[in-house]
Amino acid sequence: MPDPTTPGPAAELRRERVALTISALSSAVLGLVALLAGAVLGSAVILFDGMYTLAGIALVGVFALASRAAARSPDQQYPFGRHAATPLAVAMQGAALIATLVYAVADAIGSLAGGGTDTDPLWLVIYGAVAAVLSALVARWLRVRAPSSALVDAEVVSWRAGAGISAAVVAGGLAGLVLGRTGHDAAAGYVDPVLLLLVVAMITPMPVRLIREGMHELLEGVPPVPVATEVDRAIAAARQELGLALPDPAVRATKLGRRLYVEVDFVVRPGDWTVDEEDAVRRAVVARIRELPFDVWASVELTTEPMH
């Protein structure tokens, strides 16, 4: 039986949209503050933090469009719906973040070649501490608000990366304070660009993961292990409920956004099954699979032809 405490697709969609809206507003506030602080203080790493955060606003807009497209019903032009919009948007966010990182590396190299910057390390510590705490809080709230949304998951990745950036800014600022107070003012001037390169190295795996996961779904790869496990459990429950001598099935599945495609094939002996029995198996298996929190597209077949 479906879990009555689990929100349905409509409720999950509403939570997703609220979460994306809050994420966009938070990005706007923190991004603008970072751009202003970076410009006033002459800090490349704070400027990058602002650019990274504001880039998320445009991408949240893309996510909102993807969410609406995926929620639309199938029609004559898109008979299977538009669920591919979700992994496409995830992959786009990863690609956009990679482009931002490339810009940051070029800027850091230019600063190093120019002899560093004269940013006050104390301001790096203050800004980094405030931004790290706020980014972590937003990431945590998003995760709780819409835990099953792939779009919100991509936003959580971005906010966690932002928290990582800010934590690195704190560490770099502290290092700059130590260098300045020990008479190494020249070395302290290189803290900002070196810190920027360190931040890029820290967060590069995150957008790479977004691209990999988005492309995996677009290329119809197997669903995540937890989803595949739930599919197997649903099929096992249906077989137990029927109490028939069904062989182990061949199961193929893929997830595309909120859509879950499942194909279940039972290879049986010729003449052992009637059409009515086959229909009963199909109804039981499909009913169990549709209890999962996805838009399920299931196909169940009894066949005498061996699967290859």
Protein backbone atom coordinates (compact mmCIF):
# COMPACT_ATOMS: atom_id res chain seq x y z
CA MET A 1 0.00 0.00 0.00
CA PRO A 2 1.24 3.55 -0.66
CA ASP A 3 2.65 5.35 2.34
CA PRO A 4 0.05 8.02 3.29
CA THR A 5 2.82 10.14 4.83
CA THR A 6 4.67 10.37 1.51
CA PRO A 7 3.72 13.49 -0.52
CA GLY A 8 2.26 12.84 -3.95
CA PRO A 9 3.70 14.13 -7.25
CA ALA A 10 1.63 17.35 -7.15
CA ALA A 11 2.79 18.20 -3.62
CA GLU A 12 6.40 17.39 -4.50
CA LEU A 13 6.17 19.66 -7.55
CA ARG A 14 4.89 22.54 -5.39
CA ARG A 15 7.70 22.02 -2.91
CA GLU A 16 10.21 21.97 -5.74
CA ARG A 17 8.99 25.28 -7.14
CA VAL A 18 8.98 26.97 -3.73
CA ALA A 19 12.50 25.70 -3.07
CA LEU A 20 13.75 26.98 -6.43
CA THR A 21 12.18 30.40 -5.80
CA ILE A 22 13.80 30.73 -2.37
CA SER A 23 17.11 29.60 -3.83
CA ALA A 24 16.93 32.28 -6.52
CA LEU A 25 16.10 35.05 -4.02
CA SER A 26 18.91 33.95 -1.71
CA SER A 27 21.34 33.87 -4.62
CA ALA A 28 20.36 37.39 -5.63
CA VAL A 29 20.99 38.81 -2.17
CA LEU A 30 24.29 37.03 -1.49
CA GLY A 31 25.55 37.49 -5.03
CA LEU A 32 24.98 41.23 -5.09
CA VAL A 33 26.60 41.63 -1.67
CA ALA A 34 29.62 39.63 -2.84
CA LEU A 35 30.00 41.65 -6.06
CA LEU A 36 29.83 44.92 -4.12
CA ALA A 37 32.26 43.71 -1.45
CA GLY A 38 34.66 42.30 -4.02
CA ALA A 39 34.70 45.52 -6.01
CA VAL A 40 35.19 47.72 -2.94
CA LEU A 41 37.84 45.50 -1.35
CA GLY A 42 39.62 44.62 -4.61
CA SER A 43 39.30 40.89 -3.97
CA ALA A 44 39.20 38.56 -6.95
CA VAL A 45 38.00 35.60 -4.91
CA ILE A 46 35.05 37.51 -3.43
CA LEU A 47 34.15 38.81 -6.89
CA PHE A 48 34.22 35.23 -8.16
CA ASP A 49 32.00 34.15 -5.29
CA GLY A 50 29.48 36.81 -6.33
CA MET A 51 29.64 35.79 -9.99
CA TYR A 52 29.27 32.12 -9.07
CA THR A 53 26.24 32.87 -6.92
CA LEU A 54 24.53 35.18 -9.41
CA ALA A 55 25.08 32.67 -12.20
CA GLY A 56 22.84 30.40 -10.19
CA ILE A 57 19.91 32.81 -10.58
CA ALA A 58 19.77 32.38 -14.34
CA LEU A 59 20.15 28.66 -13.90
CA VAL A 60 17.33 28.54 -11.35
CA GLY A 61 15.20 30.19 -14.03
CA VAL A 62 16.19 27.41 -16.41
CA PHE A 63 15.32 24.87 -13.72
CA ALA A 64 11.91 26.46 -13.17
CA LEU A 65 11.18 26.24 -16.90
CA ALA A 66 12.40 22.63 -16.91
CA SER A 67 10.16 21.82 -13.96
CA ARG A 68 7.11 23.26 -15.70
CA ALA A 69 7.96 21.51 -18.97
CA ALA A 70 8.40 18.16 -17.25
CA ALA A 71 5.06 18.57 -15.45
CA ARG A 72 3.10 19.09 -18.68
CA SER A 73 0.98 16.20 -19.90
CA PRO A 74 1.97 14.27 -23.04
CA ASP A 75 0.53 15.61 -26.29
CA GLN A 76 0.70 14.84 -30.00
CA GLN A 77 4.09 16.52 -30.40
CA TYR A 78 5.58 14.98 -27.24
CA PRO A 79 3.69 11.69 -26.74
CA PHE A 80 6.00 10.60 -23.92
CA GLY A 81 6.06 13.98 -22.20
CA ARG A 82 8.98 16.36 -21.65
CA HIS A 83 10.71 14.69 -18.71
CA ALA A 84 14.09 14.96 -20.42
CA ALA A 85 14.00 18.69 -19.59
CA THR A 86 15.06 17.89 -16.01
CA PRO A 87 18.38 16.08 -16.70
CA LEU A 88 19.07 18.51 -19.54
CA ALA A 89 18.81 21.44 -17.10
CA VAL A 90 21.06 19.64 -14.60
CA ALA A 91 23.72 19.08 -17.26
CA MET A 92 23.42 22.72 -18.37
CA GLN A 93 24.08 23.93 -14.83
CA GLY A 94 27.20 21.81 -14.65
CA ALA A 95 28.45 23.19 -17.98
CA ALA A 96 27.75 26.79 -16.92
CA LEU A 97 29.63 26.32 -13.65
CA ILE A 98 32.61 24.85 -15.53
CA ALA A 99 32.68 27.98 -17.71
CA THR A 100 32.70 30.15 -14.56
CA LEU A 101 35.64 28.16 -13.19
CA VAL A 102 37.61 28.65 -16.40
CA TYR A 103 37.15 32.42 -16.07
CA ALA A 104 38.29 32.28 -12.45
CA VAL A 105 41.49 30.44 -13.34
CA ALA A 106 42.33 33.01 -16.02
CA ASP A 107 41.72 35.86 -13.56
CA ALA A 108 43.87 34.26 -10.86
CA ILE A 109 46.75 33.69 -13.25
CA GLY A 110 46.53 37.34 -14.34
CA SER A 111 46.67 38.51 -10.71
CA LEU A 112 49.68 36.32 -9.98
CA ALA A 113 51.48 37.65 -13.02
CA GLY A 114 50.68 41.21 -11.91
CA GLY A 115 52.23 40.81 -8.47
CA GLY A 116 49.17 39.87 -6.43
CA THR A 117 46.57 42.12 -4.78
CA ASP A 118 46.43 44.40 -1.74
CA THR A 119 43.21 43.00 -0.27
CA ASP A 120 42.98 43.28 3.52
CA PRO A 121 42.94 39.66 4.81
CA LEU A 122 40.69 40.62 7.74
CA TRP A 123 37.84 41.41 5.34
CA LEU A 124 38.34 38.04 3.68
CA VAL A 125 37.81 36.35 7.04
CA ILE A 126 34.70 38.38 7.87
CA TYR A 127 33.08 37.95 4.48
CA GLY A 128 33.95 34.26 4.22
CA ALA A 129 32.56 33.39 7.65
CA VAL A 130 29.22 35.11 7.03
CA ALA A 131 28.82 33.69 3.51
CA ALA A 132 29.78 30.14 4.57
CA VAL A 133 27.17 30.03 7.32
CA LEU A 134 24.41 31.46 5.13
CA SER A 135 25.22 29.13 2.20
CA ALA A 136 25.20 26.06 4.45
CA LEU A 137 21.85 27.08 5.94
CA VAL A 138 20.26 27.55 2.51
CA ALA A 139 21.61 24.20 1.31
CA ARG A 140 20.22 22.47 4.39
CA TRP A 141 16.80 24.08 4.00
CA LEU A 142 16.59 23.13 0.32
CA ARG A 143 17.47 19.52 1.07
CA VAL A 144 14.73 19.27 3.70
CA ARG A 145 12.16 21.15 1.60
CA ALA A 146 12.40 19.00 -1.56
CA PRO A 147 14.54 15.92 -0.86
CA SER A 148 13.47 13.94 -3.95
CA SER A 149 13.87 16.68 -6.59
CA ALA A 150 16.76 16.36 -9.04
CA LEU A 151 16.54 20.09 -9.80
CA VAL A 152 16.73 21.06 -6.14
CA ASP A 153 19.54 18.55 -5.67
CA ALA A 154 21.54 20.45 -8.29
CA GLU A 155 20.87 23.66 -6.36
CA VAL A 156 22.03 22.02 -3.14
CA VAL A 157 25.28 21.09 -4.89
CA SER A 158 25.76 24.74 -5.88
CA TRP A 159 25.08 26.05 -2.38
CA ARG A 160 27.40 23.51 -0.81
CA ALA A 161 30.06 24.56 -3.27
CA GLY A 162 29.41 28.16 -2.26
CA ALA A 163 29.87 27.24 1.38
CA GLY A 164 33.13 25.53 0.47
CA ILE A 165 34.33 28.62 -1.36
CA SER A 166 33.54 30.82 1.62
CA ALA A 167 35.27 28.46 4.06
CA ALA A 168 38.36 28.56 1.87
CA VAL A 169 38.18 32.36 1.88
CA VAL A 170 38.24 32.30 5.69
CA ALA A 171 41.27 30.00 5.69
CA GLY A 172 43.08 32.16 3.16
CA GLY A 173 42.27 35.33 5.06
CA LEU A 174 43.69 33.84 8.25
CA ALA A 175 46.84 32.83 6.39
CA GLY A 176 47.16 36.36 5.03
CA LEU A 177 46.82 37.82 8.52
CA VAL A 178 49.59 35.56 9.78
CA LEU A 179 51.88 36.47 6.87
CA GLY A 180 51.23 40.19 7.32
CA ARG A 181 51.92 40.16 11.05
CA THR A 182 55.16 38.19 10.58
CA GLY A 183 56.60 40.70 8.12
CA HIS A 184 55.81 38.83 4.89
CA ASP A 185 53.67 41.53 3.30
CA ALA A 186 54.76 40.66 -0.24
CA ALA A 187 53.70 37.05 0.20
CA ALA A 188 50.40 38.15 1.73
CA GLY A 189 49.58 39.94 -1.54
CA TYR A 190 49.44 36.59 -3.33
CA VAL A 191 46.91 35.08 -0.93
CA ASP A 192 43.87 36.28 -2.92
CA PRO A 193 44.79 34.80 -6.35
CA VAL A 194 46.22 31.61 -4.84
CA LEU A 195 43.05 31.26 -2.82
CA LEU A 196 40.99 31.62 -5.97
CA LEU A 197 42.91 28.78 -7.64
CA LEU A 198 42.43 26.64 -4.55
CA VAL A 199 38.69 27.30 -4.56
CA VAL A 200 38.44 26.31 -8.22
CA ALA A 201 40.23 23.04 -7.51
CA MET A 202 37.89 22.35 -4.59
CA ILE A 203 34.60 22.76 -6.40
CA THR A 204 35.46 21.45 -9.88
CA PRO A 205 34.24 17.89 -9.06
CA MET A 206 30.75 19.23 -8.27
CA PRO A 207 29.80 20.59 -11.71
CA VAL A 208 31.52 17.58 -13.28
CA ARG A 209 29.15 15.36 -11.28
CA LEU A 210 26.15 17.38 -12.47
CA ILE A 211 27.18 16.95 -16.11
CA ARG A 212 27.82 13.24 -15.63
CA GLU A 213 24.49 12.60 -13.90
CA GLY A 214 22.49 14.70 -16.36
CA MET A 215 24.02 12.96 -19.36
CA HIS A 216 23.55 9.56 -17.72
CA GLU A 217 19.80 10.13 -17.58
CA LEU A 218 19.62 11.62 -21.07
CA LEU A 219 21.41 8.55 -22.45
CA GLU A 220 18.89 6.32 -20.62
CA GLY A 221 21.33 4.76 -18.17
CA VAL A 222 20.23 2.57 -15.29
CA PRO A 223 18.50 4.41 -12.44
CA PRO A 224 20.29 5.12 -9.15
CA VAL A 225 20.78 2.08 -6.92
CA PRO A 226 18.09 3.14 -4.37
CA VAL A 227 15.52 3.48 -7.17
CA ALA A 228 16.48 0.15 -8.75
CA THR A 229 16.22 -1.50 -5.33
CA GLU A 230 12.70 -0.14 -4.83
CA VAL A 231 11.69 -1.43 -8.26
CA ASP A 232 12.95 -4.91 -7.39
CA ARG A 233 11.09 -4.82 -4.08
CA ALA A 234 7.87 -3.79 -5.79
CA ILE A 235 8.13 -6.64 -8.28
CA ALA A 236 8.93 -9.14 -5.51
CA ALA A 237 5.91 -7.95 -3.51
CA ALA A 238 3.65 -8.40 -6.56
CA ARG A 239 4.94 -11.94 -7.15
CA GLN A 240 4.34 -12.84 -3.51
CA GLU A 241 0.86 -11.35 -3.63
CA LEU A 242 -0.07 -13.38 -6.71
CA GLY A 243 1.20 -16.67 -5.28
CA LEU A 244 1.84 -18.03 -8.79
CA ALA A 245 4.82 -20.01 -10.03
CA LEU A 246 6.41 -17.10 -11.82
CA PRO A 247 10.05 -17.36 -12.90
CA ASP A 248 12.58 -14.68 -12.05
CA PRO A 249 11.93 -11.78 -14.41
CA ALA A 250 14.27 -9.81 -16.63
CA VAL A 251 13.98 -6.20 -15.48
CA ARG A 252 15.14 -3.13 -17.32
CA ALA A 253 14.62 0.37 -15.98
CA THR A 254 15.74 3.93 -16.54
CA LYS A 255 14.85 7.25 -14.91
CA LEU A 256 14.32 10.45 -16.85
CA GLY A 257 13.59 13.28 -14.45
CA ARG A 258 10.42 12.30 -12.57
CA ARG A 259 9.54 9.66 -15.17
CA LEU A 260 10.52 6.07 -14.36
CA TYR A 261 10.46 3.58 -17.22
CA VAL A 262 10.29 -0.08 -16.20
CA GLU A 263 10.13 -3.16 -18.42
CA VAL A 264 9.47 -6.53 -16.74
CA ASP A 265 9.64 -9.73 -18.80
CA PHE A 266 8.81 -13.21 -17.51
CA VAL A 267 10.00 -16.08 -19.71
CA VAL A 268 7.46 -18.90 -19.26
CA ARG A 269 6.88 -22.33 -20.78
CA PRO A 270 4.53 -22.54 -23.80
CA GLY A 271 0.91 -23.39 -22.98
CA ASP A 272 1.18 -22.83 -19.20
CA TRP A 273 -0.51 -19.44 -19.00
CA THR A 274 -3.86 -18.05 -20.11
CA VAL A 275 -4.53 -14.50 -21.20
CA ASP A 276 -6.50 -13.88 -18.01
CA GLU A 277 -3.55 -15.02 -15.87
CA GLU A 278 -1.17 -12.85 -17.85
CA ASP A 279 -3.45 -9.86 -17.33
CA ALA A 280 -3.56 -10.58 -13.59
CA VAL A 281 0.24 -10.63 -13.43
CA ARG A 282 0.47 -7.40 -15.40
CA ARG A 283 -2.05 -5.59 -13.21
CA ALA A 284 -0.40 -6.71 -9.97
CA VAL A 285 3.14 -5.80 -11.01
CA VAL A 286 2.17 -2.45 -12.51
CA ALA A 287 0.10 -1.54 -9.44
CA ARG A 288 3.02 -2.21 -7.14
CA ILE A 289 5.52 -0.27 -9.26
CA ARG A 290 3.16 2.71 -9.46
CA GLU A 291 3.30 3.02 -5.68
CA LEU A 292 6.80 4.44 -6.14
CA PRO A 293 7.06 8.27 -5.98
CA PHE A 294 7.59 8.68 -9.73
CA ASP A 295 5.56 9.09 -12.89
CA VAL A 296 5.81 5.40 -13.78
CA TRP A 297 5.68 4.08 -17.34
CA ALA A 298 5.64 0.30 -16.90
CA SER A 299 5.48 -2.60 -19.33
CA VAL A 300 4.97 -6.19 -18.12
CA GLU A 301 5.09 -9.14 -20.50
CA LEU A 302 4.90 -12.92 -20.28
CA THR A 303 6.71 -14.49 -23.20
CA THR A 304 7.95 -17.90 -24.32
CA GLU A 305 10.89 -16.39 -26.18
CA PRO A 306 14.19 -16.36 -24.24
CA MET A 307 15.55 -12.87 -23.54
CA HIS A 308 18.89 -11.89 -25.06
